[in-house]
C-alpha atoms as a PDB file:
ATOM      1  CA  ALA A   1     -63.210  32.072  33.965  1.00  0.00           C
ATOM      2  CA  ALA A   2     -63.659  29.503  36.812  1.00  0.00           C
ATOM      3  CA  THR A   3     -60.138  30.706  38.241  1.00  0.00           C
ATOM      4  CA  VAL A   4     -61.857  34.864  38.110  1.00  0.00           C
ATOM      5  CA  ALA A   5     -64.819  33.092  39.502  1.00  0.00           C
ATOM      6  CA  ASP A   6     -63.331  31.247  42.612  1.00  0.00           C
ATOM      7  CA  ALA A   7     -61.147  34.444  43.688  1.00  0.00           C
ATOM      8  CA  ALA A   8     -64.100  36.497  43.982  1.00  0.00           C
ATOM      9  CA  VAL A   9     -66.294  34.448  45.608  1.00  0.00           C
ATOM     10  CA  ALA A  10     -63.793  34.015  48.186  1.00  0.00           C
ATOM     11  CA  ALA A  11     -63.526  37.707  48.210  1.00  0.00           C
ATOM     12  CA  VAL A  12     -66.860  38.612  48.529  1.00  0.00           C
ATOM     13  CA  ARG A  13     -67.302  35.661  50.992  1.00  0.00           C
ATOM     14  CA  VAL A  14     -64.600  37.273  53.221  1.00  0.00           C
ATOM     15  CA  ALA A  15     -66.072  40.680  53.239  1.00  0.00           C
ATOM     16  CA  CYS A  16     -69.323  39.332  54.282  1.00  0.00           C
ATOM     17  CA  GLU A  17     -68.030  37.340  57.148  1.00  0.00           C
ATOM     18  CA  GLU A  18     -66.196  40.491  58.636  1.00  0.00           C
ATOM     19  CA  HIS A  19     -69.421  42.755  58.474  1.00  0.00           C
ATOM     20  CA  ASP A  20     -70.565  40.115  60.695  1.00  0.00           C
ATOM     21  CA  LEU A  21     -68.040  39.564  63.150  1.00  0.00           C
ATOM     22  CA  ALA A  22     -68.170  43.417  63.131  1.00  0.00           C
ATOM     23  CA  GLN A  23     -72.140  43.136  63.163  1.00  0.00           C
ATOM     24  CA  GLU A  24     -72.551  46.036  60.936  1.00  0.00           C
ATOM     25  CA  VAL A  25     -75.836  46.924  60.670  1.00  0.00           C
ATOM     26  CA  ARG A  26     -75.616  47.486  56.977  1.00  0.00           C
ATOM     27  CA  GLY A  27     -74.171  44.137  55.049  1.00  0.00           C
ATOM     28  CA  VAL A  28     -71.869  43.825  51.874  1.00  0.00           C
ATOM     29  CA  ASP A  29     -75.051  43.620  50.098  1.00  0.00           C
ATOM     30  CA  SER A  30     -75.983  47.197  50.996  1.00  0.00           C
ATOM     31  CA  LEU A  31     -72.178  48.478  49.285  1.00  0.00           C
ATOM     32  CA  PRO A  32     -71.992  50.556  45.978  1.00  0.00           C
ATOM     33  CA  GLU A  33     -70.221  49.348  43.399  1.00  0.00           C
ATOM     34  CA  ARG A  34     -67.017  51.323  44.069  1.00  0.00           C
ATOM     35  CA  GLU A  35     -66.386  49.326  47.498  1.00  0.00           C
ATOM     36  CA  ILE A  36     -67.304  46.239  45.827  1.00  0.00           C
ATOM     37  CA  GLN A  37     -64.603  46.976  43.433  1.00  0.00           C
ATOM     38  CA  THR A  38     -62.221  47.173  46.207  1.00  0.00           C
ATOM     39  CA  ILE A  39     -62.971  43.692  47.860  1.00  0.00           C
ATOM     40  CA  LEU A  40     -62.463  42.136  44.683  1.00  0.00           C
ATOM     41  CA  GLU A  41     -59.060  43.801  43.954  1.00  0.00           C
ATOM     42  CA  ARG A  42     -57.788  42.360  47.511  1.00  0.00           C
ATOM     43  CA  GLY A  43     -59.182  38.843  45.850  1.00  0.00           C
ATOM     44  CA  PHE A  44     -57.358  38.919  42.956  1.00  0.00           C
ATOM     45  CA  GLU A  45     -53.998  39.907  44.367  1.00  0.00           C
ATOM     46  CA  SER A  46     -54.241  37.096  46.802  1.00  0.00           C
ATOM     47  CA  ALA A  47     -54.704  34.717  44.557  1.00  0.00           C
ATOM     48  CA  GLY A  48     -51.811  36.118  42.044  1.00  0.00           C
ATOM     49  CA  LEU A  49     -54.200  37.628  39.489  1.00  0.00           C
ATOM     50  CA  HIS A  50     -52.293  40.807  39.478  1.00  0.00           C
ATOM     51  CA  PRO A  51     -55.131  43.134  38.967  1.00  0.00           C
ATOM     52  CA  LEU A  52     -54.900  46.583  37.273  1.00  0.00           C
ATOM     53  CA  ARG A  53     -58.232  48.954  38.052  1.00  0.00           C
ATOM     54  CA  GLU A  54     -59.698  51.555  35.640  1.00  0.00           C
ATOM     55  CA  VAL A  55     -57.928  50.816  32.711  1.00  0.00           C
ATOM     56  CA  ARG A  56     -58.647  52.705  29.089  1.00  0.00           C
ATOM     57  CA  PHE A  57     -59.072  49.979  26.455  1.00  0.00           C
ATOM     58  CA  PRO A  58     -56.376  49.812  24.009  1.00  0.00           C
ATOM     59  CA  HIS A  59     -57.940  51.243  21.246  1.00  0.00           C
ATOM     60  CA  ARG A  60     -58.810  54.454  23.186  1.00  0.00           C
ATOM     61  CA  ALA A  61     -55.304  54.636  24.856  1.00  0.00           C
ATOM     62  CA  GLY A  62     -54.639  58.284  23.237  1.00  0.00           C
ATOM     63  CA  GLU A  63     -57.641  59.651  25.447  1.00  0.00           C
ATOM     64  CA  PRO A  64     -57.280  61.515  28.548  1.00  0.00           C
ATOM     65  CA  ILE A  65     -57.209  58.743  31.116  1.00  0.00           C
ATOM     66  CA  ARG A  66     -60.458  60.314  32.637  1.00  0.00           C
ATOM     67  CA  SER A  67     -62.577  60.026  29.393  1.00  0.00           C
ATOM     68  CA  VAL A  68     -65.552  58.410  30.246  1.00  0.00           C
ATOM     69  CA  GLY A  69     -66.703  55.088  28.466  1.00  0.00           C
ATOM     70  CA  THR A  70     -63.158  54.151  27.790  1.00  0.00           C
ATOM     71  CA  ARG A  71     -62.020  52.508  31.027  1.00  0.00           C
ATOM     72  CA  CYS A  72     -62.408  48.663  31.849  1.00  0.00           C
ATOM     73  CA  ASP A  73     -62.978  48.072  35.643  1.00  0.00           C
ATOM     74  CA  PHE A  74     -60.372  45.484  35.644  1.00  0.00           C
ATOM     75  CA  VAL A  75     -57.503  44.025  33.682  1.00  0.00           C
ATOM     76  CA  LEU A  76     -56.028  41.043  35.129  1.00  0.00           C
ATOM     77  CA  ARG A  77     -52.227  39.967  34.225  1.00  0.00           C
ATOM     78  CA  PRO A  78     -50.545  36.769  34.151  1.00  0.00           C
ATOM     79  CA  GLU A  79     -47.416  38.329  36.109  1.00  0.00           C
ATOM     80  CA  ASP A  80     -46.869  41.980  37.747  1.00  0.00           C
ATOM     81  CA  ALA A  81     -45.780  43.801  34.877  1.00  0.00           C
ATOM     82  CA  PRO A  82     -47.221  46.767  32.648  1.00  0.00           C
ATOM     83  CA  LEU A  83     -49.814  46.569  30.269  1.00  0.00           C
ATOM     84  CA  ASP A  84     -47.911  47.240  26.724  1.00  0.00           C
ATOM     85  CA  LEU A  85     -50.625  49.804  25.130  1.00  0.00           C
ATOM     86  CA  GLU A  86     -47.481  51.545  23.241  1.00  0.00           C
ATOM     87  CA  ASN A  87     -48.387  50.938  19.684  1.00  0.00           C
ATOM     88  CA  GLU A  88     -51.945  52.449  20.147  1.00  0.00           C
ATOM     89  CA  LEU A  89     -50.252  55.804  20.663  1.00  0.00           C
ATOM     90  CA  GLU A  90     -49.018  58.104  18.167  1.00  0.00           C
ATOM     91  CA  ASP A  91     -45.095  58.047  18.119  1.00  0.00           C
ATOM     92  CA  GLY A  92     -44.743  61.409  19.601  1.00  0.00           C
ATOM     93  CA  ASP A  93     -46.694  60.190  22.503  1.00  0.00           C
ATOM     94  CA  ALA A  94     -44.134  58.221  23.292  1.00  0.00           C
ATOM     95  CA  GLU A  95     -41.748  58.931  26.489  1.00  0.00           C
ATOM     96  CA  ALA A  96     -37.963  59.390  25.801  1.00  0.00           C
ATOM     97  CA  PRO A  97     -35.254  57.234  27.657  1.00  0.00           C
ATOM     98  CA  GLY A  98     -33.848  59.301  30.499  1.00  0.00           C
ATOM     99  CA  LEU A  99     -30.323  60.505  30.777  1.00  0.00           C
ATOM    100  CA  PHE A 100     -29.439  57.569  32.939  1.00  0.00           C
ATOM    101  CA  ALA A 101     -31.487  54.943  31.330  1.00  0.00           C
ATOM    102  CA  GLU A 102     -28.499  52.476  30.186  1.00  0.00           C
ATOM    103  CA  LEU A 103     -27.609  52.514  34.203  1.00  0.00           C
ATOM    104  CA  ALA A 104     -31.527  51.602  35.574  1.00  0.00           C
ATOM    105  CA  PRO A 105     -32.671  47.805  35.895  1.00  0.00           C
ATOM    106  CA  ALA A 106     -34.097  46.642  32.621  1.00  0.00           C
ATOM    107  CA  PRO A 107     -37.966  46.890  33.422  1.00  0.00           C
ATOM    108  CA  PRO A 108     -40.277  43.575  33.215  1.00  0.00           C
ATOM    109  CA  SER A 109     -41.201  43.117  29.798  1.00  0.00           C
ATOM    110  CA  PRO A 110     -45.125  44.437  29.400  1.00  0.00           C
ATOM    111  CA  VAL A 111     -47.661  42.493  28.900  1.00  0.00           C
ATOM    112  CA  ASP A 112     -49.678  42.521  25.711  1.00  0.00           C
ATOM    113  CA  PRO A 113     -53.080  43.244  26.554  1.00  0.00           C
ATOM    114  CA  GLU A 114     -54.184  40.093  24.315  1.00  0.00           C
ATOM    115  CA  GLN A 115     -52.741  38.043  26.849  1.00  0.00           C
ATOM    116  CA  ALA A 116     -54.730  40.026  29.803  1.00  0.00           C
ATOM    117  CA  PHE A 117     -58.170  39.102  31.065  1.00  0.00           C
ATOM    118  CA  TRP A 118     -60.247  42.167  30.482  1.00  0.00           C
ATOM    119  CA  LEU A 119     -63.043  42.324  33.377  1.00  0.00           C
ATOM    120  CA  GLU A 120     -66.444  44.363  33.589  1.00  0.00           C
ATOM    121  CA  LEU A 121     -68.127  44.438  36.814  1.00  0.00           C
ATOM    122  CA  LYS A 122     -71.758  44.528  37.210  1.00  0.00           C
ATOM    123  CA  THR A 123     -73.484  44.692  40.911  1.00  0.00           C
ATOM    124  CA  GLY A 124     -77.179  44.305  41.883  1.00  0.00           C
ATOM    125  CA  ALA A 125     -79.596  43.248  44.883  1.00  0.00           C
ATOM    126  CA  ALA A 126     -83.435  42.559  45.054  1.00  0.00           C
ATOM    127  CA  CYS A 127     -83.601  44.155  48.342  1.00  0.00           C
ATOM    128  CA  ARG A 128     -81.945  47.171  48.861  1.00  0.00           C
ATOM    129  CA  ASP A 129     -81.820  49.556  52.193  1.00  0.00           C
ATOM    130  CA  LEU A 130     -80.015  52.638  50.396  1.00  0.00           C
ATOM    131  CA  GLY A 131     -80.470  51.265  46.727  1.00  0.00           C
ATOM    132  CA  GLU A 132     -76.594  51.442  46.182  1.00  0.00           C
ATOM    133  CA  ALA A 133     -76.226  48.131  44.543  1.00  0.00           C
ATOM    134  CA  GLY A 134     -77.984  48.548  41.386  1.00  0.00           C
ATOM    135  CA  ASP A 135     -81.196  46.733  40.697  1.00  0.00           C
ATOM    136  CA  LEU A 136     -81.631  43.187  39.791  1.00  0.00           C
ATOM    137  CA  SER A 137     -84.493  43.935  37.181  1.00  0.00           C
ATOM    138  CA  THR A 138     -82.106  46.185  35.180  1.00  0.00           C
ATOM    139  CA  LEU A 139     -78.933  43.782  35.228  1.00  0.00           C
ATOM    140  CA  PRO A 140     -79.660  42.196  31.880  1.00  0.00           C
ATOM    141  CA  LYS A 141     -79.642  45.264  30.058  1.00  0.00           C
ATOM    142  CA  ARG A 142     -76.421  46.511  32.096  1.00  0.00           C
ATOM    143  CA  THR A 143     -74.650  43.753  31.639  1.00  0.00           C
ATOM    144  CA  THR A 144     -75.534  42.995  27.472  1.00  0.00           C
ATOM    145  CA  VAL A 145     -74.159  46.735  27.108  1.00  0.00           C
ATOM    146  CA  ASP A 146     -70.972  45.548  28.572  1.00  0.00           C
ATOM    147  CA  LEU A 147     -70.289  42.155  26.900  1.00  0.00           C
ATOM    148  CA  ALA A 148     -70.897  44.087  23.266  1.00  0.00           C
ATOM    149  CA  ARG A 149     -68.328  46.515  24.670  1.00  0.00           C
ATOM    150  CA  LEU A 150     -65.884  43.923  25.327  1.00  0.00           C
ATOM    151  CA  ALA A 151     -67.003  42.053  22.245  1.00  0.00           C
ATOM    152  CA  HIS A 152     -65.978  44.560  19.798  1.00  0.00           C
ATOM    153  CA  ALA A 153     -62.946  46.012  21.276  1.00  0.00           C
ATOM    154  CA  ARG A 154     -59.696  45.573  19.448  1.00  0.00           C
ATOM    155  CA  ARG A 155     -56.798  44.010  21.581  1.00  0.00           C
ATOM    156  CA  VAL A 156     -59.045  42.172  23.682  1.00  0.00           C
ATOM    157  CA  ARG A 157     -58.742  38.398  23.249  1.00  0.00           C
ATOM    158  CA  HIS A 158     -59.623  37.335  27.080  1.00  0.00           C
ATOM    159  CA  ALA A 159     -62.591  39.421  28.532  1.00  0.00           C
ATOM    160  CA  ALA A 160     -65.787  38.708  30.609  1.00  0.00           C
ATOM    161  CA  VAL A 161     -68.318  40.567  33.009  1.00  0.00           C
ATOM    162  CA  LEU A 162     -68.257  39.684  36.616  1.00  0.00           C
ATOM    163  CA  VAL A 163     -71.766  39.965  38.067  1.00  0.00           C
ATOM    164  CA  VAL A 164     -71.892  40.122  41.674  1.00  0.00           C
ATOM    165  CA  ALA A 165     -75.369  39.789  42.985  1.00  0.00           C
ATOM    166  CA  PHE A 166     -77.612  39.402  45.889  1.00  0.00           C
ATOM    167  CA  GLY A 167     -80.866  37.951  46.421  1.00  0.00           C
ATOM    168  CA  PRO A 168     -83.426  36.022  48.415  1.00  0.00           C
ATOM    169  CA  ASP A 169     -81.745  32.158  47.447  1.00  0.00           C
ATOM    170  CA  GLU A 170     -79.185  30.401  45.831  1.00  0.00           C
ATOM    171  CA  GLU A 171     -81.721  28.604  43.712  1.00  0.00           C
ATOM    172  CA  THR A 172     -83.405  31.686  42.003  1.00  0.00           C
ATOM    173  CA  LEU A 173     -80.107  33.994  41.742  1.00  0.00           C
ATOM    174  CA  THR A 174     -78.604  30.556  40.105  1.00  0.00           C
ATOM    175  CA  ARG A 175     -81.661  30.733  37.814  1.00  0.00           C
ATOM    176  CA  ASP A 176     -80.751  34.528  36.724  1.00  0.00           C
ATOM    177  CA  ALA A 177     -77.474  34.214  36.246  1.00  0.00           C
ATOM    178  CA  HIS A 178     -77.998  31.775  33.472  1.00  0.00           C
ATOM    179  CA  ALA A 179     -80.902  34.052  32.301  1.00  0.00           C
ATOM    180  CA  LEU A 180     -78.184  36.744  31.926  1.00  0.00           C
ATOM    181  CA  ASP A 181     -76.079  34.580  29.910  1.00  0.00           C
ATOM    182  CA  ARG A 182     -79.223  33.358  27.210  1.00  0.00           C
ATOM    183  CA  HIS A 183     -80.574  37.229  27.353  1.00  0.00           C
ATOM    184  CA  ALA A 184     -77.156  38.512  25.767  1.00  0.00           C
ATOM    185  CA  ALA A 185     -76.845  35.328  23.611  1.00  0.00           C
ATOM    186  CA  ALA A 186     -80.058  36.108  22.612  1.00  0.00           C
ATOM    187  CA  GLN A 187     -79.230  39.795  21.951  1.00  0.00           C
ATOM    188  CA  GLY A 188     -76.578  38.235  19.134  1.00  0.00           C
ATOM    189  CA  LEU A 189     -73.487  38.169  21.487  1.00  0.00           C
ATOM    190  CA  PRO A 190     -70.871  35.532  21.236  1.00  0.00           C
ATOM    191  CA  THR A 191     -71.475  34.506  24.984  1.00  0.00           C
ATOM    192  CA  LEU A 192     -69.409  31.233  26.550  1.00  0.00           C
ATOM    193  CA  GLY A 193     -71.862  30.246  29.341  1.00  0.00           C
ATOM    194  CA  ALA A 194     -71.767  31.633  32.794  1.00  0.00           C
ATOM    195  CA  VAL A 195     -69.813  30.056  35.773  1.00  0.00           C
ATOM    196  CA  VAL A 196     -72.123  30.644  38.696  1.00  0.00           C
ATOM    197  CA  ARG A 197     -70.795  30.701  42.635  1.00  0.00           C
ATOM    198  CA  THR A 198     -73.304  31.319  45.726  1.00  0.00           C
ATOM    199  CA  PHE A 199     -73.384  31.347  48.805  1.00  0.00           C
ATOM    200  CA  PRO A 200     -75.824  31.792  51.990  1.00  0.00           C
ATOM    201  CA  LEU A 201     -75.722  35.501  53.306  1.00  0.00           C
ATOM    202  CA  THR A 202     -76.913  36.959  56.823  1.00  0.00           C
ATOM    203  CA  ASP A 203     -80.233  38.046  56.479  1.00  0.00           C
ATOM    204  CA  ARG A 204     -80.209  42.204  57.090  1.00  0.00           C
ATOM    205  CA  HIS A 205     -82.534  43.833  54.079  1.00  0.00           C
ATOM    206  CA  GLY A 206     -84.212  40.853  52.529  1.00  0.00           C
ATOM    207  CA  ASN A 207     -81.187  39.064  50.578  1.00  0.00           C
ATOM    208  CA  ALA A 208     -80.202  35.579  51.687  1.00  0.00           C
ATOM    209  CA  ALA A 209     -78.088  34.814  49.212  1.00  0.00           C
ATOM    210  CA  GLY A 210     -75.210  35.447  46.972  1.00  0.00           C
ATOM    211  CA  LEU A 211     -73.621  35.384  43.846  1.00  0.00           C
ATOM    212  CA  VAL A 212     -70.898  35.687  41.673  1.00  0.00           C
ATOM    213  CA  ALA A 213     -70.935  34.796  37.836  1.00  0.00           C
ATOM    214  CA  VAL A 214     -68.489  35.294  35.391  1.00  0.00           C
ATOM    215  CA  ILE A 215     -69.950  35.639  31.843  1.00  0.00           C
ATOM    216  CA  PRO A 216     -67.079  35.265  29.296  1.00  0.00           C
ATOM    217  CA  VAL A 217     -67.591  36.517  25.557  1.00  0.00           C
ATOM    218  CA  GLY A 218     -66.154  34.690  22.683  1.00  0.00           C
ATOM    219  CA  ARG A 219     -63.170  36.325  20.558  1.00  0.00           C
ATOM    220  CA  GLY A 220     -62.021  35.152  17.316  1.00  0.00           C
END
């Protein structure tokens, strides 16, 4: 979890610095979650975490790829190899080997979903110029919903919710991050304690600090 938090905060800080150098009117704290996902993807790639985006959960592997509520924001892999979801599919869904399969180089061994790190993203900002980053007041509910989904997903052993948030100061954000973890635990979820990183932010909209928090969920 600490490795994920460090990679994420490094990526967000670089993006913030780029906005400052370009003298952008809007900061990273105004970006929608989708654009923050792109920032994080670059950071995870730089850290050698081999990210995949919008991956179906193993127990939903047979559903249409764009089914609502069946995808995880990120899957981080120990190596650059495909994720093994084959044994969740019906036998008839497996692709038959091609005519020249024996001539092709052997593909890398697929990564077992239980060896990967499944990561859901939630964003929020205390002060929002256009309201695209999400409201901090709704983070407890949104975070708990995702932690519950991860806690009950089959063939998912390592998982967490990644919170990227912006607020008035680092102390307040740190306190709020640990409160998110306690809120989830109070709902009966097996959280393992938040890994928190904060940093100062150029204040454009009333947000003077940024937060990256990884809240892992325990699995048996």
